[in-house]
Amino acid sequence: ALSAADPQLLNLVMPDAKVLAGVNVEQAKGTQFGQYVLNQLQTHDAQMQQLVALTGFDPRRDVSELLVASDGVAGSKTGLALARGNFDVAKITAAATAAGVVTEVYSGFTILEEPKEQHAGIAFLDATKVVAGDIASVKGAIDRLKTPQPLPAAVAVKVNQWSLSEDAWGITTVPPSSLAPAGKAGAANPIMNATQNVQSAAGGIKFGAQVVFSGEAQCDTAQNAKTLGDVVQLLINLAQMQSGVDPTAAALIKSVTVTASGNVLKIQASLPEDVFQQLLEQSHKKAGSSRMGMGVQQRKR
C-alpha cells in the first residue's frame, strides 16, 4: 500500500521550507529496479565497509525513508536531511567520537558536529529518527519536537500529492531559476528564457515493472506554458534524431509525452525496469571511460 511522507519527519522541517524532496526507501526495496539503485552503494566500497564494521549501520538495509528540505535561497548553506530507520545510536555515537567528532548537548539531545569548523551536525532523536544539517537547522528541528510548526497548507498538499504517488519525489514552491546562484550575463538562450517563466515545479519517479518519470511545471501564464512545451518538444525531436542506433535511448525518448493544460505543463516518460537498468549501466560505462581519458590526459601533461 502506498503511503505519503512520514508526518513525524515533516513536522521537523522548517516551516518556511520552499524546496523538499524525499525517497520512500522501504517501498523501493520491493521492486527490482529499486534494489538495483540501492545496490549502487557498492558492497566492495571501502568507506561503506568501514561504516558497517564500525557502527553496524548499513543504509541499504536500515533506512526506510529519506526527506530533505531547504529554504530555497540561492547560495544558502542551511537545510535539513532527515531519515527514519533503525539506528544503534550508542554504537554510532561511540564510533563518531572515537574518530574525533565534537559533541554538543542541546535540549537533552547530543549533536555530533564536524571537528574542524563545526558548521554541520547530526542528531539522533531516538532509535528510529535522525536529523542532519547546519547546526542552527538541526537545533530548530529539535525545538520543533516540542513545539511543532507545520508547513503551510498549500505546501503540505503538494508534498502529500507527490509522496503518495511516487517512490522518489521533489518539489519547489519558488521559481527553479531562482535556485541557481547568479551568474554572468550571457547571450540570449531560448531554452533558459522559456524556463524563466516557471513559478513552481515538481517531479517524481515510480519504481515497478515500468519505471515512470513524471514532472510538472507551473508557469505564470497559459501562453508561457505552451511556449515551454514547444521548447521541450523541440529538444525531444532533436534527441530522437541523435539517438542513432541505440534502441534503449530511442525507446526512452519515444516514451516522453508533453501536455499543457492551462498554465501547467506536464511531462511523463517510462521504460521497463530492465531496459532502464541497461541505460544506466551504459551511462556509467561512458562516464568511467571519460574519467579514464581525463586521467590519461592529465598524466601526459
C-alpha atoms as a PDB file:
ATOM      1  CA  ALA A   1       0.000   0.000   0.000  1.00  0.00           C
ATOM      2  CA  LEU A   2       1.217   3.466  -0.848  1.00  0.00           C
ATOM      3  CA  SER A   3       1.917   5.926   1.934  1.00  0.00           C
ATOM      4  CA  ALA A   4       2.638   9.638   1.982  1.00  0.00           C
ATOM      5  CA  ALA A   5       5.742  11.207   3.516  1.00  0.00           C
ATOM      6  CA  ASP A   6       6.165  10.419   7.210  1.00  0.00           C
ATOM      7  CA  PRO A   7       4.256  13.137   9.123  1.00  0.00           C
ATOM      8  CA  GLN A   8       6.680  12.948  12.051  1.00  0.00           C
ATOM      9  CA  LEU A   9       9.579  13.834   9.740  1.00  0.00           C
ATOM     10  CA  LEU A  10       7.550  16.584   8.059  1.00  0.00           C
ATOM     11  CA  ASN A  11       6.813  18.130  11.467  1.00  0.00           C
ATOM     12  CA  LEU A  12      10.561  18.586  11.959  1.00  0.00           C
ATOM     13  CA  VAL A  13      11.029  20.540   8.713  1.00  0.00           C
ATOM     14  CA  MET A  14      11.454  24.309   8.929  1.00  0.00           C
ATOM     15  CA  PRO A  15       8.051  25.982   8.349  1.00  0.00           C
ATOM     16  CA  ASP A  16       9.496  28.274   5.662  1.00  0.00           C
ATOM     17  CA  ALA A  17      10.821  25.361   3.553  1.00  0.00           C
ATOM     18  CA  LYS A  18      10.472  26.069  -0.172  1.00  0.00           C
ATOM     19  CA  VAL A  19      12.250  23.033  -1.626  1.00  0.00           C
ATOM     20  CA  LEU A  20      11.560  19.489  -0.414  1.00  0.00           C
ATOM     21  CA  ALA A  21      12.424  16.026  -1.685  1.00  0.00           C
ATOM     22  CA  GLY A  22      12.033  12.520  -0.384  1.00  0.00           C
ATOM     23  CA  VAL A  23      12.579   8.836  -1.061  1.00  0.00           C
ATOM     24  CA  ASN A  24      10.405   6.011   0.233  1.00  0.00           C
ATOM     25  CA  VAL A  25      13.308   3.575   0.534  1.00  0.00           C
ATOM     26  CA  GLU A  26      11.235   0.779   2.078  1.00  0.00           C
ATOM     27  CA  GLN A  27       8.768   0.864  -0.797  1.00  0.00           C
ATOM     28  CA  ALA A  28      11.552   0.994  -3.393  1.00  0.00           C
ATOM     29  CA  LYS A  29      13.143  -2.130  -1.898  1.00  0.00           C
ATOM     30  CA  GLY A  30      10.123  -4.104  -3.049  1.00  0.00           C
ATOM     31  CA  THR A  31      10.946  -3.557  -6.728  1.00  0.00           C
ATOM     32  CA  GLN A  32      13.712  -4.949  -8.926  1.00  0.00           C
ATOM     33  CA  PHE A  33      14.829  -1.514 -10.038  1.00  0.00           C
ATOM     34  CA  GLY A  34      14.684  -0.081  -6.519  1.00  0.00           C
ATOM     35  CA  GLN A  35      17.002  -2.858  -5.337  1.00  0.00           C
ATOM     36  CA  TYR A  36      19.321  -2.133  -8.263  1.00  0.00           C
ATOM     37  CA  VAL A  37      19.545   1.546  -7.288  1.00  0.00           C
ATOM     38  CA  LEU A  38      20.244   0.728  -3.639  1.00  0.00           C
ATOM     39  CA  ASN A  39      22.900  -1.776  -4.669  1.00  0.00           C
ATOM     40  CA  GLN A  40      24.784   1.017  -6.423  1.00  0.00           C
ATOM     41  CA  LEU A  41      26.109   1.664  -2.915  1.00  0.00           C
ATOM     42  CA  GLN A  42      28.712  -0.931  -3.753  1.00  0.00           C
ATOM     43  CA  THR A  43      29.370  -3.628  -1.166  1.00  0.00           C
ATOM     44  CA  HIS A  44      33.087  -3.539  -2.028  1.00  0.00           C
ATOM     45  CA  ASP A  45      33.321   0.206  -1.349  1.00  0.00           C
ATOM     46  CA  ALA A  46      35.927   0.686   1.400  1.00  0.00           C
ATOM     47  CA  GLN A  47      34.118   3.552   3.152  1.00  0.00           C
ATOM     48  CA  MET A  48      30.843   1.612   3.155  1.00  0.00           C
ATOM     49  CA  GLN A  49      32.547  -1.451   4.635  1.00  0.00           C
ATOM     50  CA  GLN A  50      34.195   0.701   7.298  1.00  0.00           C
ATOM     51  CA  LEU A  51      30.871   2.310   8.212  1.00  0.00           C
ATOM     52  CA  VAL A  52      29.174  -1.062   8.574  1.00  0.00           C
ATOM     53  CA  ALA A  53      32.102  -2.534  10.531  1.00  0.00           C
ATOM     54  CA  LEU A  54      32.350   0.367  12.995  1.00  0.00           C
ATOM     55  CA  THR A  55      28.670   1.010  13.621  1.00  0.00           C
ATOM     56  CA  GLY A  56      26.701  -1.968  12.340  1.00  0.00           C
ATOM     57  CA  PHE A  57      24.677   0.574  10.345  1.00  0.00           C
ATOM     58  CA  ASP A  58      24.023  -0.234   6.684  1.00  0.00           C
ATOM     59  CA  PRO A  59      21.937   2.464   4.919  1.00  0.00           C
ATOM     60  CA  ARG A  60      20.847  -0.051   2.280  1.00  0.00           C
ATOM     61  CA  ARG A  61      19.196  -2.130   4.992  1.00  0.00           C
ATOM     62  CA  ASP A  62      18.466   0.182   7.909  1.00  0.00           C
ATOM     63  CA  VAL A  63      16.957   3.316   6.294  1.00  0.00           C
ATOM     64  CA  SER A  64      13.254   3.247   5.375  1.00  0.00           C
ATOM     65  CA  GLU A  65      12.627   6.875   4.378  1.00  0.00           C
ATOM     66  CA  LEU A  66      14.634   9.985   3.499  1.00  0.00           C
ATOM     67  CA  LEU A  67      13.488  13.611   3.475  1.00  0.00           C
ATOM     68  CA  VAL A  68      15.460  16.770   2.676  1.00  0.00           C
ATOM     69  CA  ALA A  69      14.374  20.392   2.848  1.00  0.00           C
ATOM     70  CA  SER A  70      15.763  23.891   2.365  1.00  0.00           C
ATOM     71  CA  ASP A  71      14.568  27.483   2.387  1.00  0.00           C
ATOM     72  CA  GLY A  72      15.143  27.759  -1.366  1.00  0.00           C
ATOM     73  CA  VAL A  73      17.512  30.724  -1.101  1.00  0.00           C
ATOM     74  CA  ALA A  74      20.202  30.579  -3.792  1.00  0.00           C
ATOM     75  CA  GLY A  75      23.626  30.011  -2.282  1.00  0.00           C
ATOM     76  CA  SER A  76      22.179  29.274   1.158  1.00  0.00           C
ATOM     77  CA  LYS A  77      24.113  26.771   3.267  1.00  0.00           C
ATOM     78  CA  THR A  78      21.163  25.970   5.501  1.00  0.00           C
ATOM     79  CA  GLY A  79      19.000  22.899   5.166  1.00  0.00           C
ATOM     80  CA  LEU A  80      17.917  19.640   6.709  1.00  0.00           C
ATOM     81  CA  ALA A  81      18.231  15.971   5.858  1.00  0.00           C
ATOM     82  CA  LEU A  82      16.027  13.649   7.877  1.00  0.00           C
ATOM     83  CA  ALA A  83      15.705   9.879   7.899  1.00  0.00           C
ATOM     84  CA  ARG A  84      13.624   7.180   9.508  1.00  0.00           C
ATOM     85  CA  GLY A  85      15.129   3.757  10.052  1.00  0.00           C
ATOM     86  CA  ASN A  86      16.817   1.578  12.657  1.00  0.00           C
ATOM     87  CA  PHE A  87      19.835   3.129  14.360  1.00  0.00           C
ATOM     88  CA  ASP A  88      22.130   1.785  17.068  1.00  0.00           C
ATOM     89  CA  VAL A  89      22.626   5.264  18.498  1.00  0.00           C
ATOM     90  CA  ALA A  90      25.143   4.297  21.189  1.00  0.00           C
ATOM     91  CA  LYS A  91      27.371   2.378  18.765  1.00  0.00           C
ATOM     92  CA  ILE A  92      27.246   5.063  16.069  1.00  0.00           C
ATOM     93  CA  THR A  93      27.941   7.841  18.602  1.00  0.00           C
ATOM     94  CA  ALA A  94      30.869   5.920  20.107  1.00  0.00           C
ATOM     95  CA  ALA A  95      32.393   5.362  16.653  1.00  0.00           C
ATOM     96  CA  ALA A  96      31.951   9.042  15.766  1.00  0.00           C
ATOM     97  CA  THR A  97      33.553  10.349  18.959  1.00  0.00           C
ATOM     98  CA  ALA A  98      36.428   7.896  18.573  1.00  0.00           C
ATOM     99  CA  ALA A  99      37.004   9.416  15.134  1.00  0.00           C
ATOM    100  CA  GLY A 100      37.288  12.894  16.666  1.00  0.00           C
ATOM    101  CA  VAL A 101      33.771  14.219  16.173  1.00  0.00           C
ATOM    102  CA  VAL A 102      32.794  17.035  18.558  1.00  0.00           C
ATOM    103  CA  THR A 103      29.633  16.628  20.638  1.00  0.00           C
ATOM    104  CA  GLU A 104      27.239  19.241  21.963  1.00  0.00           C
ATOM    105  CA  VAL A 105      24.176  18.610  24.131  1.00  0.00           C
ATOM    106  CA  TYR A 106      21.161  20.711  23.183  1.00  0.00           C
ATOM    107  CA  SER A 107      17.765  20.342  24.894  1.00  0.00           C
ATOM    108  CA  GLY A 108      18.755  16.881  26.026  1.00  0.00           C
ATOM    109  CA  PHE A 109      19.931  15.671  22.600  1.00  0.00           C
ATOM    110  CA  THR A 110      23.536  15.056  21.588  1.00  0.00           C
ATOM    111  CA  ILE A 111      24.585  16.746  18.352  1.00  0.00           C
ATOM    112  CA  LEU A 112      27.598  15.229  16.593  1.00  0.00           C
ATOM    113  CA  GLU A 113      29.476  18.068  14.898  1.00  0.00           C
ATOM    114  CA  GLU A 114      32.293  18.128  12.361  1.00  0.00           C
ATOM    115  CA  PRO A 115      35.542  18.670  14.280  1.00  0.00           C
ATOM    116  CA  LYS A 116      37.096  21.444  12.182  1.00  0.00           C
ATOM    117  CA  GLU A 117      34.559  24.202  11.574  1.00  0.00           C
ATOM    118  CA  GLN A 118      31.569  22.755  13.439  1.00  0.00           C
ATOM    119  CA  HIS A 119      29.090  24.201  10.944  1.00  0.00           C
ATOM    120  CA  ALA A 120      27.256  20.928  10.309  1.00  0.00           C
ATOM    121  CA  GLY A 121      25.926  18.309  12.670  1.00  0.00           C
ATOM    122  CA  ILE A 122      23.749  15.264  13.118  1.00  0.00           C
ATOM    123  CA  ALA A 123      21.432  14.320  15.980  1.00  0.00           C
ATOM    124  CA  PHE A 124      19.575  11.083  16.711  1.00  0.00           C
ATOM    125  CA  LEU A 125      16.157  11.982  18.080  1.00  0.00           C
ATOM    126  CA  ASP A 126      15.545   8.353  19.017  1.00  0.00           C
ATOM    127  CA  ALA A 127      16.440   4.921  17.673  1.00  0.00           C
ATOM    128  CA  THR A 128      14.302   5.476  14.552  1.00  0.00           C
ATOM    129  CA  LYS A 129      14.765   9.153  13.600  1.00  0.00           C
ATOM    130  CA  VAL A 130      17.859  11.190  12.731  1.00  0.00           C
ATOM    131  CA  VAL A 131      18.297  14.765  11.522  1.00  0.00           C
ATOM    132  CA  ALA A 132      21.353  16.376   9.913  1.00  0.00           C
ATOM    133  CA  GLY A 133      22.253  19.782   8.513  1.00  0.00           C
ATOM    134  CA  ASP A 134      23.772  23.062   9.603  1.00  0.00           C
ATOM    135  CA  ILE A 135      23.818  23.401  13.398  1.00  0.00           C
ATOM    136  CA  ALA A 136      21.103  26.072  13.551  1.00  0.00           C
ATOM    137  CA  SER A 137      18.741  23.968  11.429  1.00  0.00           C
ATOM    138  CA  VAL A 138      19.395  20.843  13.488  1.00  0.00           C
ATOM    139  CA  LYS A 139      18.649  22.772  16.684  1.00  0.00           C
ATOM    140  CA  GLY A 140      15.490  24.159  15.065  1.00  0.00           C
ATOM    141  CA  ALA A 141      14.310  20.623  14.290  1.00  0.00           C
ATOM    142  CA  ILE A 142      14.927  19.627  17.908  1.00  0.00           C
ATOM    143  CA  ASP A 143      12.890  22.632  19.067  1.00  0.00           C
ATOM    144  CA  ARG A 144      10.002  21.577  16.796  1.00  0.00           C
ATOM    145  CA  LEU A 145       9.829  18.233  18.586  1.00  0.00           C
ATOM    146  CA  LYS A 146       8.264  20.113  21.498  1.00  0.00           C
ATOM    147  CA  THR A 147       6.659  22.980  19.590  1.00  0.00           C
ATOM    148  CA  PRO A 148       5.547  21.819  16.125  1.00  0.00           C
ATOM    149  CA  GLN A 149       5.384  24.414  13.341  1.00  0.00           C
ATOM    150  CA  PRO A 150       3.509  22.825  10.429  1.00  0.00           C
ATOM    151  CA  LEU A 151       4.204  23.618   6.807  1.00  0.00           C
ATOM    152  CA  PRO A 152       1.803  25.970   5.006  1.00  0.00           C
ATOM    153  CA  ALA A 153      -1.295  24.088   3.838  1.00  0.00           C
ATOM    154  CA  ALA A 154      -0.521  24.558   0.132  1.00  0.00           C
ATOM    155  CA  VAL A 155       2.996  23.116   0.564  1.00  0.00           C
ATOM    156  CA  ALA A 156       1.712  20.205   2.662  1.00  0.00           C
ATOM    157  CA  VAL A 157      -0.850  19.363  -0.050  1.00  0.00           C
ATOM    158  CA  LYS A 158       1.885  19.260  -2.716  1.00  0.00           C
ATOM    159  CA  VAL A 159       4.132  17.089  -0.551  1.00  0.00           C
ATOM    160  CA  ASN A 160       1.319  14.618   0.135  1.00  0.00           C
ATOM    161  CA  GLN A 161       0.314  14.557  -3.542  1.00  0.00           C
ATOM    162  CA  TRP A 162       3.762  13.646  -4.801  1.00  0.00           C
ATOM    163  CA  SER A 163       4.960  11.485  -1.918  1.00  0.00           C
ATOM    164  CA  LEU A 164       1.770   9.435  -2.120  1.00  0.00           C
ATOM    165  CA  SER A 165       2.112   8.641  -5.821  1.00  0.00           C
ATOM    166  CA  GLU A 166       5.920   8.431  -6.235  1.00  0.00           C
ATOM    167  CA  ASP A 167       8.762   6.463  -4.668  1.00  0.00           C
ATOM    168  CA  ALA A 168      11.201   9.367  -5.089  1.00  0.00           C
ATOM    169  CA  TRP A 169       9.928  12.927  -5.459  1.00  0.00           C
ATOM    170  CA  GLY A 170      10.837  16.596  -5.226  1.00  0.00           C
ATOM    171  CA  ILE A 171       9.008  19.914  -5.257  1.00  0.00           C
ATOM    172  CA  THR A 172       9.945  23.584  -5.330  1.00  0.00           C
ATOM    173  CA  THR A 173       7.421  26.271  -4.497  1.00  0.00           C
ATOM    174  CA  VAL A 174       9.725  29.005  -5.818  1.00  0.00           C
ATOM    175  CA  PRO A 175      10.867  29.503  -9.435  1.00  0.00           C
ATOM    176  CA  PRO A 176      13.551  26.899 -10.244  1.00  0.00           C
ATOM    177  CA  SER A 177      15.564  29.661 -11.940  1.00  0.00           C
ATOM    178  CA  SER A 178      15.887  31.420  -8.563  1.00  0.00           C
ATOM    179  CA  LEU A 179      17.650  28.432  -7.003  1.00  0.00           C
ATOM    180  CA  ALA A 180      20.797  28.779  -9.110  1.00  0.00           C
ATOM    181  CA  PRO A 181      23.438  31.291  -7.962  1.00  0.00           C
ATOM    182  CA  ALA A 182      23.523  34.434 -10.083  1.00  0.00           C
ATOM    183  CA  GLY A 183      25.930  34.037 -12.993  1.00  0.00           C
ATOM    184  CA  LYS A 184      27.393  36.261 -15.609  1.00  0.00           C
ATOM    185  CA  ALA A 185      25.026  37.637 -18.196  1.00  0.00           C
ATOM    186  CA  GLY A 186      25.378  35.791 -21.472  1.00  0.00           C
ATOM    187  CA  ALA A 187      23.820  35.593 -24.883  1.00  0.00           C
ATOM    188  CA  ALA A 188      20.060  35.130 -25.050  1.00  0.00           C
ATOM    189  CA  ASN A 189      19.124  31.451 -24.742  1.00  0.00           C
ATOM    190  CA  PRO A 190      15.590  30.470 -25.822  1.00  0.00           C
ATOM    191  CA  ILE A 191      15.584  27.416 -23.545  1.00  0.00           C
ATOM    192  CA  MET A 192      16.618  29.410 -20.473  1.00  0.00           C
ATOM    193  CA  ASN A 193      14.204  32.182 -21.404  1.00  0.00           C
ATOM    194  CA  ALA A 194      11.340  29.673 -21.532  1.00  0.00           C
ATOM    195  CA  THR A 195      12.149  28.297 -18.076  1.00  0.00           C
ATOM    196  CA  GLN A 196      12.329  31.779 -16.535  1.00  0.00           C
ATOM    197  CA  ASN A 197       8.525  31.830 -16.528  1.00  0.00           C
ATOM    198  CA  VAL A 198       8.187  28.715 -14.363  1.00  0.00           C
ATOM    199  CA  GLN A 199       6.842  29.681 -10.945  1.00  0.00           C
ATOM    200  CA  SER A 200       6.955  26.261  -9.262  1.00  0.00           C
ATOM    201  CA  ALA A 201       7.741  22.684 -10.226  1.00  0.00           C
ATOM    202  CA  ALA A 202       7.544  19.090  -9.038  1.00  0.00           C
ATOM    203  CA  GLY A 203       8.587  15.661 -10.210  1.00  0.00           C
ATOM    204  CA  GLY A 204       8.960  12.081  -9.185  1.00  0.00           C
ATOM    205  CA  ILE A 205       9.898   8.520 -10.089  1.00  0.00           C
ATOM    206  CA  LYS A 206       7.725   5.460  -9.562  1.00  0.00           C
ATOM    207  CA  PHE A 207       9.548   2.116  -9.480  1.00  0.00           C
ATOM    208  CA  GLY A 208       7.934  -1.093 -10.698  1.00  0.00           C
ATOM    209  CA  ALA A 209       7.713  -3.230 -13.829  1.00  0.00           C
ATOM    210  CA  GLN A 210       7.768   0.137 -15.580  1.00  0.00           C
ATOM    211  CA  VAL A 211       9.987   2.938 -14.249  1.00  0.00           C
ATOM    212  CA  VAL A 212       7.789   6.012 -14.693  1.00  0.00           C
ATOM    213  CA  PHE A 213       9.049   9.597 -14.544  1.00  0.00           C
ATOM    214  CA  SER A 214       6.502  12.361 -14.001  1.00  0.00           C
ATOM    215  CA  GLY A 215       7.011  16.103 -13.797  1.00  0.00           C
ATOM    216  CA  GLU A 216       5.061  19.321 -13.933  1.00  0.00           C
ATOM    217  CA  ALA A 217       5.914  22.996 -14.197  1.00  0.00           C
ATOM    218  CA  GLN A 218       3.512  25.779 -13.327  1.00  0.00           C
ATOM    219  CA  CYS A 219       4.114  28.867 -15.456  1.00  0.00           C
ATOM    220  CA  ASP A 220       2.868  32.407 -14.947  1.00  0.00           C
ATOM    221  CA  THR A 221       0.558  32.226 -17.982  1.00  0.00           C
ATOM    222  CA  ALA A 222      -1.000  29.580 -20.228  1.00  0.00           C
ATOM    223  CA  GLN A 223       0.857  31.015 -23.219  1.00  0.00           C
ATOM    224  CA  ASN A 224       4.204  30.611 -21.482  1.00  0.00           C
ATOM    225  CA  ALA A 225       3.306  27.034 -20.538  1.00  0.00           C
ATOM    226  CA  LYS A 226       2.639  26.328 -24.220  1.00  0.00           C
ATOM    227  CA  THR A 227       5.911  28.000 -25.224  1.00  0.00           C
ATOM    228  CA  LEU A 228       7.837  25.895 -22.716  1.00  0.00           C
ATOM    229  CA  GLY A 229       6.112  22.791 -24.027  1.00  0.00           C
ATOM    230  CA  ASP A 230       7.114  23.683 -27.586  1.00  0.00           C
ATOM    231  CA  VAL A 231      10.743  24.093 -26.494  1.00  0.00           C
ATOM    232  CA  VAL A 232      10.717  20.727 -24.682  1.00  0.00           C
ATOM    233  CA  GLN A 233       9.154  19.051 -27.717  1.00  0.00           C
ATOM    234  CA  LEU A 234      11.868  20.558 -29.927  1.00  0.00           C
ATOM    235  CA  LEU A 235      14.544  19.103 -27.660  1.00  0.00           C
ATOM    236  CA  ILE A 236      12.834  15.706 -27.810  1.00  0.00           C
ATOM    237  CA  ASN A 237      12.772  15.849 -31.612  1.00  0.00           C
ATOM    238  CA  LEU A 238      16.463  16.724 -31.702  1.00  0.00           C
ATOM    239  CA  ALA A 239      17.265  13.885 -29.286  1.00  0.00           C
ATOM    240  CA  GLN A 240      15.341  11.444 -31.487  1.00  0.00           C
ATOM    241  CA  MET A 241      17.450  12.412 -34.463  1.00  0.00           C
ATOM    242  CA  GLN A 242      20.666  11.973 -32.469  1.00  0.00           C
ATOM    243  CA  SER A 243      19.754   8.711 -30.722  1.00  0.00           C
ATOM    244  CA  GLY A 244      21.034   6.832 -33.771  1.00  0.00           C
ATOM    245  CA  VAL A 245      21.148   3.071 -33.441  1.00  0.00           C
ATOM    246  CA  ASP A 246      20.875   2.984 -29.630  1.00  0.00           C
ATOM    247  CA  PRO A 247      17.496   1.250 -29.142  1.00  0.00           C
ATOM    248  CA  THR A 248      17.421   1.838 -25.370  1.00  0.00           C
ATOM    249  CA  ALA A 249      17.874   5.608 -25.618  1.00  0.00           C
ATOM    250  CA  ALA A 250      15.451   5.726 -28.550  1.00  0.00           C
ATOM    251  CA  ALA A 251      12.800   3.867 -26.519  1.00  0.00           C
ATOM    252  CA  LEU A 252      13.106   6.326 -23.621  1.00  0.00           C
ATOM    253  CA  ILE A 253      12.888   9.356 -25.896  1.00  0.00           C
ATOM    254  CA  LYS A 254       9.915   7.910 -27.752  1.00  0.00           C
ATOM    255  CA  SER A 255       8.043   7.357 -24.465  1.00  0.00           C
ATOM    256  CA  VAL A 256       8.149  11.032 -23.476  1.00  0.00           C
ATOM    257  CA  THR A 257       4.808  12.832 -23.555  1.00  0.00           C
ATOM    258  CA  VAL A 258       4.378  16.592 -23.150  1.00  0.00           C
ATOM    259  CA  THR A 259       0.975  18.133 -22.423  1.00  0.00           C
ATOM    260  CA  ALA A 260      -0.056  21.661 -21.445  1.00  0.00           C
ATOM    261  CA  SER A 261      -3.243  22.320 -19.516  1.00  0.00           C
ATOM    262  CA  GLY A 262      -3.798  25.983 -18.763  1.00  0.00           C
ATOM    263  CA  ASN A 263      -0.605  27.315 -17.199  1.00  0.00           C
ATOM    264  CA  VAL A 264       0.663  23.854 -16.162  1.00  0.00           C
ATOM    265  CA  LEU A 265       2.991  21.782 -18.326  1.00  0.00           C
ATOM    266  CA  LYS A 266       3.198  18.049 -17.621  1.00  0.00           C
ATOM    267  CA  ILE A 267       5.917  15.675 -18.815  1.00  0.00           C
ATOM    268  CA  GLN A 268       5.985  11.907 -18.453  1.00  0.00           C
ATOM    269  CA  ALA A 269       8.283   9.120 -19.641  1.00  0.00           C
ATOM    270  CA  SER A 270       8.567   5.413 -18.885  1.00  0.00           C
ATOM    271  CA  LEU A 271      10.663   2.357 -19.607  1.00  0.00           C
ATOM    272  CA  PRO A 272      10.574  -1.278 -18.486  1.00  0.00           C
ATOM    273  CA  GLU A 273      12.789  -1.559 -15.403  1.00  0.00           C
ATOM    274  CA  ASP A 274      15.271  -3.946 -17.030  1.00  0.00           C
ATOM    275  CA  VAL A 275      15.656  -1.650 -20.056  1.00  0.00           C
ATOM    276  CA  PHE A 276      16.200   1.403 -17.871  1.00  0.00           C
ATOM    277  CA  GLN A 277      18.771  -0.518 -15.854  1.00  0.00           C
ATOM    278  CA  GLN A 278      20.650  -1.189 -19.100  1.00  0.00           C
ATOM    279  CA  LEU A 279      20.517   2.524 -19.901  1.00  0.00           C
ATOM    280  CA  LEU A 280      22.053   3.409 -16.522  1.00  0.00           C
ATOM    281  CA  GLU A 281      24.765   0.812 -16.910  1.00  0.00           C
ATOM    282  CA  GLN A 282      25.663   2.208 -20.343  1.00  0.00           C
ATOM    283  CA  SER A 283      25.798   5.694 -18.834  1.00  0.00           C
ATOM    284  CA  HIS A 284      28.109   4.500 -16.034  1.00  0.00           C
ATOM    285  CA  LYS A 285      30.444   2.852 -18.542  1.00  0.00           C
ATOM    286  CA  LYS A 286      30.633   6.024 -20.634  1.00  0.00           C
ATOM    287  CA  ALA A 287      31.280   8.118 -17.511  1.00  0.00           C
ATOM    288  CA  GLY A 288      34.017   5.713 -16.437  1.00  0.00           C
ATOM    289  CA  SER A 289      35.656   5.845 -19.859  1.00  0.00           C
ATOM    290  CA  SER A 290      35.507   9.642 -19.808  1.00  0.00           C
ATOM    291  CA  ARG A 291      37.189   9.799 -16.379  1.00  0.00           C
ATOM    292  CA  MET A 292      39.909   7.411 -17.548  1.00  0.00           C
ATOM    293  CA  GLY A 293      40.516   9.590 -20.630  1.00  0.00           C
ATOM    294  CA  MET A 294      40.834  12.714 -18.480  1.00  0.00           C
ATOM    295  CA  GLY A 295      43.281  10.912 -16.196  1.00  0.00           C
ATOM    296  CA  VAL A 296      45.466   9.895 -19.148  1.00  0.00           C
ATOM    297  CA  GLN A 297      45.496  13.486 -20.449  1.00  0.00           C
ATOM    298  CA  GLN A 298      46.484  14.848 -17.021  1.00  0.00           C
ATOM    299  CA  ARG A 299      49.318  12.311 -16.720  1.00  0.00           C
ATOM    300  CA  LYS A 300      50.601  13.316 -20.174  1.00  0.00           C
ATOM    301  CA  ARG A 301      50.691  16.939 -19.067  1.00  0.00           C
END
